[in-house]
Amino acid sequence: IVRNDQSIGEPAIPPATPFKMEEHRTSGGPSKKSQDQPVLLGYWAIRGLGNSIRHLLNYAGIPYTEKTYPFGARGQENRRSEWLADKPRLGLDFPNLPYLVDGEIKLTQSLAILRYLARHSGLFPTQERERILADLAEQQLNDLMWENIHLCYDPDYSVSKRDAFLQQLLGDRLPTLTRFLGERLFLTGDAPSYVDFLAFEALDQHRALWPKECSLQDQPKLLDYLRRIESLPAFRDYLASEAFVSWPVWSELSSYGGPDTARPDAKG
């Protein structure tokens, strides 16, 4: 993942080779969105900051096409060339990945995309108290993901840094999230909203990266919460499909969790 795609000042590149396009016709969800053309999602071939958007699209039953960009290995000539060729042509106000194109609407910033899709699919809270809970959860979960990013993209990633990160995660971040959830079924109430799919991705990324340490056995409320999300019929079907990206979590620039990292298992 590259927060600001770091392409400023890079030399001109030749025209991109054809990108990978996949069309997804989803069958689930409470979508209120009616359209002739599927929305277009553009992102790297990783989980990263794009997976929560994929989650919402599939749960809500919004037809979409995904334009998947290869990142390229360190030192590779013309690395990210396909994205850099497309970047100035898309008409984005703030060109970056992920992006979403829905007719004349063109968005970047993962949280802005999630909010837009939520408003058009019945997954945005309607009551003020629920919106406050969503605002709080959204920002806290975003911080949680960026703490993960800073560790995994640290060029000096080490076991000691990982252990310090996990100590804070298990000793503070997850218990705090458990208290915030309280007795609610979902983060904002009795029905799922867009922040639940952000939460699922944030927590499931940790389970994928450190399955033994982040099994959530010591946080049974959070574990039950994730199981409730996983058991939602449309989401359950999506998780079992090829549309669900489970690995890698991060890009080739990461020190841990990228394509060159073997996926760990809980026995490791």
Protein backbone atom coordinates (compact mmCIF):
# COMPACT_ATOMS: atom_id res chain seq x y z
CA ILE A 1 0.00 0.00 0.00
CA VAL A 2 1.26 3.52 -0.67
CA ARG A 3 -0.65 6.22 1.18
CA ASN A 4 0.34 8.91 -1.28
CA ASP A 5 1.25 6.82 -4.25
CA GLN A 6 4.74 8.38 -4.37
CA SER A 7 4.66 8.98 -8.10
CA ILE A 8 5.40 12.74 -7.97
CA GLY A 9 8.52 13.49 -9.89
CA GLU A 10 8.80 10.03 -11.42
CA PRO A 11 9.95 9.91 -15.07
CA ALA A 12 7.47 9.45 -17.89
CA ILE A 13 6.59 5.87 -18.62
CA PRO A 14 5.47 4.04 -21.76
CA PRO A 15 1.78 3.25 -22.32
CA ALA A 16 0.47 0.59 -19.98
CA THR A 17 -0.17 -2.97 -21.01
CA PRO A 18 -3.76 -4.21 -20.62
CA PHE A 19 -4.93 -4.34 -17.02
CA LYS A 20 -6.87 -7.11 -15.33
CA MET A 21 -10.61 -6.54 -15.32
CA GLU A 22 -13.11 -8.64 -13.41
CA GLU A 23 -16.86 -8.09 -13.36
CA HIS A 24 -18.71 -8.99 -10.19
CA ARG A 25 -22.46 -9.56 -10.20
CA THR A 26 -23.42 -9.85 -6.59
CA SER A 27 -26.55 -11.55 -5.37
CA GLY A 28 -26.95 -10.38 -1.80
CA GLY A 29 -27.68 -7.35 0.15
CA PRO A 30 -29.96 -4.44 0.82
CA SER A 31 -28.91 -2.31 -2.15
CA LYS A 32 -31.06 0.71 -3.01
CA LYS A 33 -28.80 1.52 -5.91
CA SER A 34 -30.34 1.11 -9.35
CA GLN A 35 -28.10 1.59 -12.36
CA ASP A 36 -27.50 0.39 -15.89
CA GLN A 37 -23.73 0.15 -15.55
CA PRO A 38 -21.74 -1.44 -12.73
CA VAL A 39 -19.54 0.85 -10.68
CA LEU A 40 -15.81 0.66 -11.31
CA LEU A 41 -13.39 -0.01 -8.46
CA GLY A 42 -9.68 0.45 -9.04
CA TYR A 43 -7.08 -0.93 -6.65
CA TRP A 44 -3.95 -3.00 -6.23
CA ALA A 45 -4.20 -6.81 -6.18
CA ILE A 46 -4.04 -6.87 -2.36
CA ARG A 47 -6.35 -6.52 0.64
CA GLY A 48 -4.93 -3.21 1.84
CA LEU A 49 -7.39 -0.33 2.08
CA GLY A 50 -9.57 -1.68 -0.72
CA ASN A 51 -10.97 -4.83 0.83
CA SER A 52 -13.55 -3.14 3.04
CA ILE A 53 -14.94 -1.52 -0.12
CA ARG A 54 -15.14 -4.94 -1.77
CA HIS A 55 -16.92 -6.24 1.34
CA LEU A 56 -19.59 -3.55 1.17
CA LEU A 57 -20.11 -3.87 -2.58
CA ASN A 58 -20.65 -7.61 -2.31
CA TYR A 59 -22.83 -7.51 0.79
CA ALA A 60 -24.99 -4.72 -0.62
CA GLY A 61 -25.39 -6.48 -3.96
CA ILE A 62 -24.00 -3.58 -5.99
CA PRO A 63 -22.74 -4.79 -9.39
CA TYR A 64 -19.17 -3.67 -9.96
CA THR A 65 -16.17 -4.14 -12.18
CA GLU A 66 -12.74 -4.20 -10.60
CA LYS A 67 -9.68 -2.87 -12.34
CA THR A 68 -6.80 -4.59 -10.60
CA TYR A 69 -3.38 -3.01 -10.94
CA PRO A 70 -0.14 -4.97 -10.47
CA PHE A 71 2.30 -3.25 -8.16
CA GLY A 72 5.59 -4.79 -9.25
CA ALA A 73 8.62 -5.93 -7.29
CA ARG A 74 11.20 -3.65 -5.75
CA GLY A 75 13.64 -2.43 -8.39
CA GLN A 76 11.44 -3.66 -11.25
CA GLU A 77 11.57 -1.43 -14.32
CA ASN A 78 8.32 0.43 -14.93
CA ARG A 79 6.97 -0.66 -11.57
CA ARG A 80 3.33 0.50 -11.16
CA SER A 81 3.37 1.55 -14.83
CA GLU A 82 -0.27 0.62 -15.45
CA TRP A 83 -1.53 2.77 -12.60
CA LEU A 84 0.79 5.65 -13.42
CA ALA A 85 -0.44 5.61 -17.02
CA ASP A 86 -4.09 5.67 -15.94
CA LYS A 87 -3.64 8.17 -13.13
CA PRO A 88 -3.87 11.43 -15.12
CA ARG A 89 -6.58 10.12 -17.44
CA LEU A 90 -9.32 9.26 -14.95
CA GLY A 91 -10.52 12.75 -14.04
CA LEU A 92 -10.03 12.19 -10.29
CA ASP A 93 -9.82 15.25 -8.05
CA PHE A 94 -7.17 13.59 -5.88
CA PRO A 95 -5.73 10.74 -7.97
CA ASN A 96 -4.93 7.75 -5.80
CA LEU A 97 -5.90 4.16 -5.14
CA PRO A 98 -8.46 2.93 -4.36
CA TYR A 99 -10.83 4.87 -6.60
CA LEU A 100 -14.49 4.42 -7.48
CA VAL A 101 -16.27 5.57 -10.63
CA ASP A 102 -20.07 5.60 -10.64
CA GLY A 103 -21.22 7.38 -13.76
CA GLU A 104 -20.19 11.01 -13.34
CA ILE A 105 -19.21 10.45 -9.71
CA LYS A 106 -15.47 9.84 -9.30
CA LEU A 107 -14.07 9.30 -5.83
CA THR A 108 -10.83 8.48 -4.08
CA GLN A 109 -10.07 8.06 -0.37
CA SER A 110 -11.26 4.72 0.99
CA LEU A 111 -13.44 6.16 3.76
CA ALA A 112 -15.15 8.60 1.39
CA ILE A 113 -15.89 5.70 -0.95
CA LEU A 114 -17.33 3.60 1.87
CA ARG A 115 -19.55 6.45 3.02
CA TYR A 116 -20.81 7.12 -0.51
CA LEU A 117 -21.68 3.46 -1.09
CA ALA A 118 -23.28 3.21 2.35
CA ARG A 119 -25.56 6.18 1.66
CA HIS A 120 -26.77 4.52 -1.54
CA SER A 121 -27.25 1.02 -0.13
CA GLY A 122 -29.08 1.52 3.16
CA LEU A 123 -25.91 0.95 5.20
CA PHE A 124 -25.45 4.50 6.47
CA PRO A 125 -26.95 5.17 9.93
CA THR A 126 -30.09 7.29 9.90
CA GLN A 127 -30.27 8.32 13.58
CA GLU A 128 -27.94 10.87 15.15
CA ARG A 129 -26.80 8.53 17.93
CA GLU A 130 -25.98 5.83 15.38
CA ARG A 131 -24.08 8.32 13.24
CA ILE A 132 -22.01 9.39 16.22
CA LEU A 133 -21.14 5.76 16.93
CA ALA A 134 -20.27 5.26 13.26
CA ASP A 135 -18.02 8.35 13.24
CA LEU A 136 -16.17 7.15 16.32
CA ALA A 137 -15.80 3.59 15.08
CA GLU A 138 -14.70 4.66 11.61
CA GLN A 139 -11.87 6.82 12.88
CA GLN A 140 -10.72 4.33 15.52
CA LEU A 141 -10.69 1.46 13.03
CA ASN A 142 -8.82 3.57 10.50
CA ASP A 143 -6.19 4.31 13.15
CA LEU A 144 -5.98 0.60 13.92
CA MET A 145 -5.31 -0.22 10.27
CA TRP A 146 -2.67 2.48 9.96
CA GLU A 147 -0.85 1.21 13.03
CA ASN A 148 -0.72 -2.14 11.23
CA ILE A 149 0.53 -0.45 8.05
CA HIS A 150 3.30 1.44 9.86
CA LEU A 151 4.57 -1.80 11.39
CA CYS A 152 4.38 -3.94 8.26
CA TYR A 153 5.95 -1.30 6.00
CA ASP A 154 8.73 -0.49 8.46
CA PRO A 155 11.99 -1.29 6.59
CA ASP A 156 13.41 -2.28 9.98
CA TYR A 157 10.52 -4.61 10.85
CA SER A 158 11.64 -7.00 13.58
CA VAL A 159 10.30 -9.54 16.03
CA SER A 160 10.72 -7.08 18.88
CA LYS A 161 8.72 -4.39 17.05
CA ARG A 162 6.04 -6.94 16.20
CA ASP A 163 5.83 -8.04 19.83
CA ALA A 164 5.50 -4.45 21.05
CA PHE A 165 2.75 -3.85 18.48
CA LEU A 166 0.87 -7.00 19.49
CA GLN A 167 1.19 -6.15 23.18
CA GLN A 168 -0.52 -2.80 22.56
CA LEU A 169 -3.11 -4.37 20.26
CA LEU A 170 -4.05 -7.18 22.64
CA GLY A 171 -3.69 -5.19 25.84
CA ASP A 172 -5.42 -1.96 24.80
CA ARG A 173 -6.83 -1.69 21.29
CA LEU A 174 -8.98 -4.82 21.28
CA PRO A 175 -10.31 -4.50 24.87
CA THR A 176 -11.24 -0.88 24.09
CA LEU A 177 -13.13 -1.99 20.99
CA THR A 178 -14.90 -4.69 23.02
CA ARG A 179 -16.07 -2.08 25.54
CA PHE A 180 -17.25 0.18 22.72
CA LEU A 181 -19.30 -2.65 21.18
CA GLY A 182 -20.93 -3.36 24.53
CA GLU A 183 -24.17 -5.33 24.19
CA ARG A 184 -24.94 -4.14 20.67
CA LEU A 185 -25.06 -6.76 17.93
CA PHE A 186 -23.21 -4.46 15.55
CA LEU A 187 -21.16 -1.32 16.05
CA THR A 188 -24.05 1.12 15.65
CA GLY A 189 -26.98 -1.02 16.78
CA ASP A 190 -28.95 -4.13 15.90
CA ALA A 191 -28.32 -3.98 12.14
CA PRO A 192 -25.03 -3.88 10.21
CA SER A 193 -23.74 -0.62 8.79
CA TYR A 194 -20.73 0.29 6.67
CA VAL A 195 -18.41 0.51 9.69
CA ASP A 196 -18.96 -3.18 10.43
CA PHE A 197 -17.31 -4.09 7.14
CA LEU A 198 -14.44 -1.76 7.96
CA ALA A 199 -14.18 -3.48 11.35
CA PHE A 200 -14.30 -6.93 9.82
CA GLU A 201 -11.41 -6.08 7.50
CA ALA A 202 -9.30 -4.42 10.21
CA LEU A 203 -9.69 -7.37 12.58
CA ASP A 204 -9.45 -10.07 9.93
CA GLN A 205 -6.24 -8.56 8.57
CA HIS A 206 -4.71 -9.03 12.00
CA ARG A 207 -5.97 -12.62 12.13
CA ALA A 208 -4.45 -13.29 8.71
CA LEU A 209 -1.09 -11.74 9.60
CA TRP A 210 -0.77 -13.18 13.11
CA PRO A 211 -3.32 -16.02 13.37
CA LYS A 212 -1.94 -17.50 16.56
CA GLU A 213 -1.66 -14.25 18.51
CA CYS A 214 -4.82 -12.64 17.07
CA SER A 215 -7.23 -15.55 17.29
CA LEU A 216 -9.47 -13.38 19.54
CA GLN A 217 -9.98 -16.27 21.96
CA ASP A 218 -9.32 -13.79 24.78
CA GLN A 219 -11.93 -11.39 23.35
CA PRO A 220 -15.04 -13.60 23.01
CA LYS A 221 -17.36 -10.64 22.37
CA LEU A 222 -15.28 -9.55 19.39
CA LEU A 223 -15.06 -13.12 18.15
CA ASP A 224 -18.84 -13.50 18.35
CA TYR A 225 -19.20 -10.13 16.62
CA LEU A 226 -17.05 -11.26 13.69
CA ARG A 227 -19.00 -14.50 13.47
CA ARG A 228 -22.24 -12.51 13.23
CA ILE A 229 -20.83 -10.59 10.29
CA GLU A 230 -19.51 -13.77 8.67
CA SER A 231 -22.92 -15.42 9.03
CA LEU A 232 -24.82 -12.70 7.16
CA PRO A 233 -26.07 -14.71 4.16
CA ALA A 234 -24.83 -12.40 1.40
CA PHE A 235 -21.51 -11.86 3.14
CA ARG A 236 -21.06 -15.57 3.86
CA ASP A 237 -21.50 -16.38 0.18
CA TYR A 238 -19.01 -13.68 -0.79
CA LEU A 239 -16.38 -14.94 1.66
CA ALA A 240 -16.60 -18.36 0.03
CA SER A 241 -16.24 -16.93 -3.49
CA GLU A 242 -13.28 -15.95 -5.64
CA ALA A 243 -14.21 -12.29 -5.18
CA PHE A 244 -12.87 -12.37 -1.61
CA VAL A 245 -9.19 -11.40 -1.46
CA SER A 246 -7.62 -13.14 1.54
CA TRP A 247 -3.89 -12.71 0.77
CA PRO A 248 -1.64 -10.78 0.41
CA VAL A 249 -2.59 -8.11 2.90
CA TRP A 250 -0.01 -5.56 1.77
CA SER A 251 2.01 -4.76 -1.33
CA GLU A 252 5.51 -5.69 -2.47
CA LEU A 253 6.92 -2.66 -0.62
CA SER A 254 5.95 -4.11 2.75
CA SER A 255 8.40 -5.90 5.01
CA TYR A 256 5.72 -8.32 6.20
CA GLY A 257 2.39 -9.42 4.78
CA GLY A 258 3.13 -8.88 1.10
CA PRO A 259 3.19 -11.32 -1.83
CA ASP A 260 6.67 -12.53 -0.86
CA THR A 261 5.54 -13.43 2.66
CA ALA A 262 4.30 -16.97 3.11
CA ARG A 263 0.87 -16.87 4.68
CA PRO A 264 1.24 -17.93 8.33
CA ASP A 265 -1.03 -20.46 9.99
CA ALA A 266 -2.21 -20.70 13.56
CA LYS A 267 0.19 -23.56 14.29
CA GLY A 268 3.25 -21.56 13.28
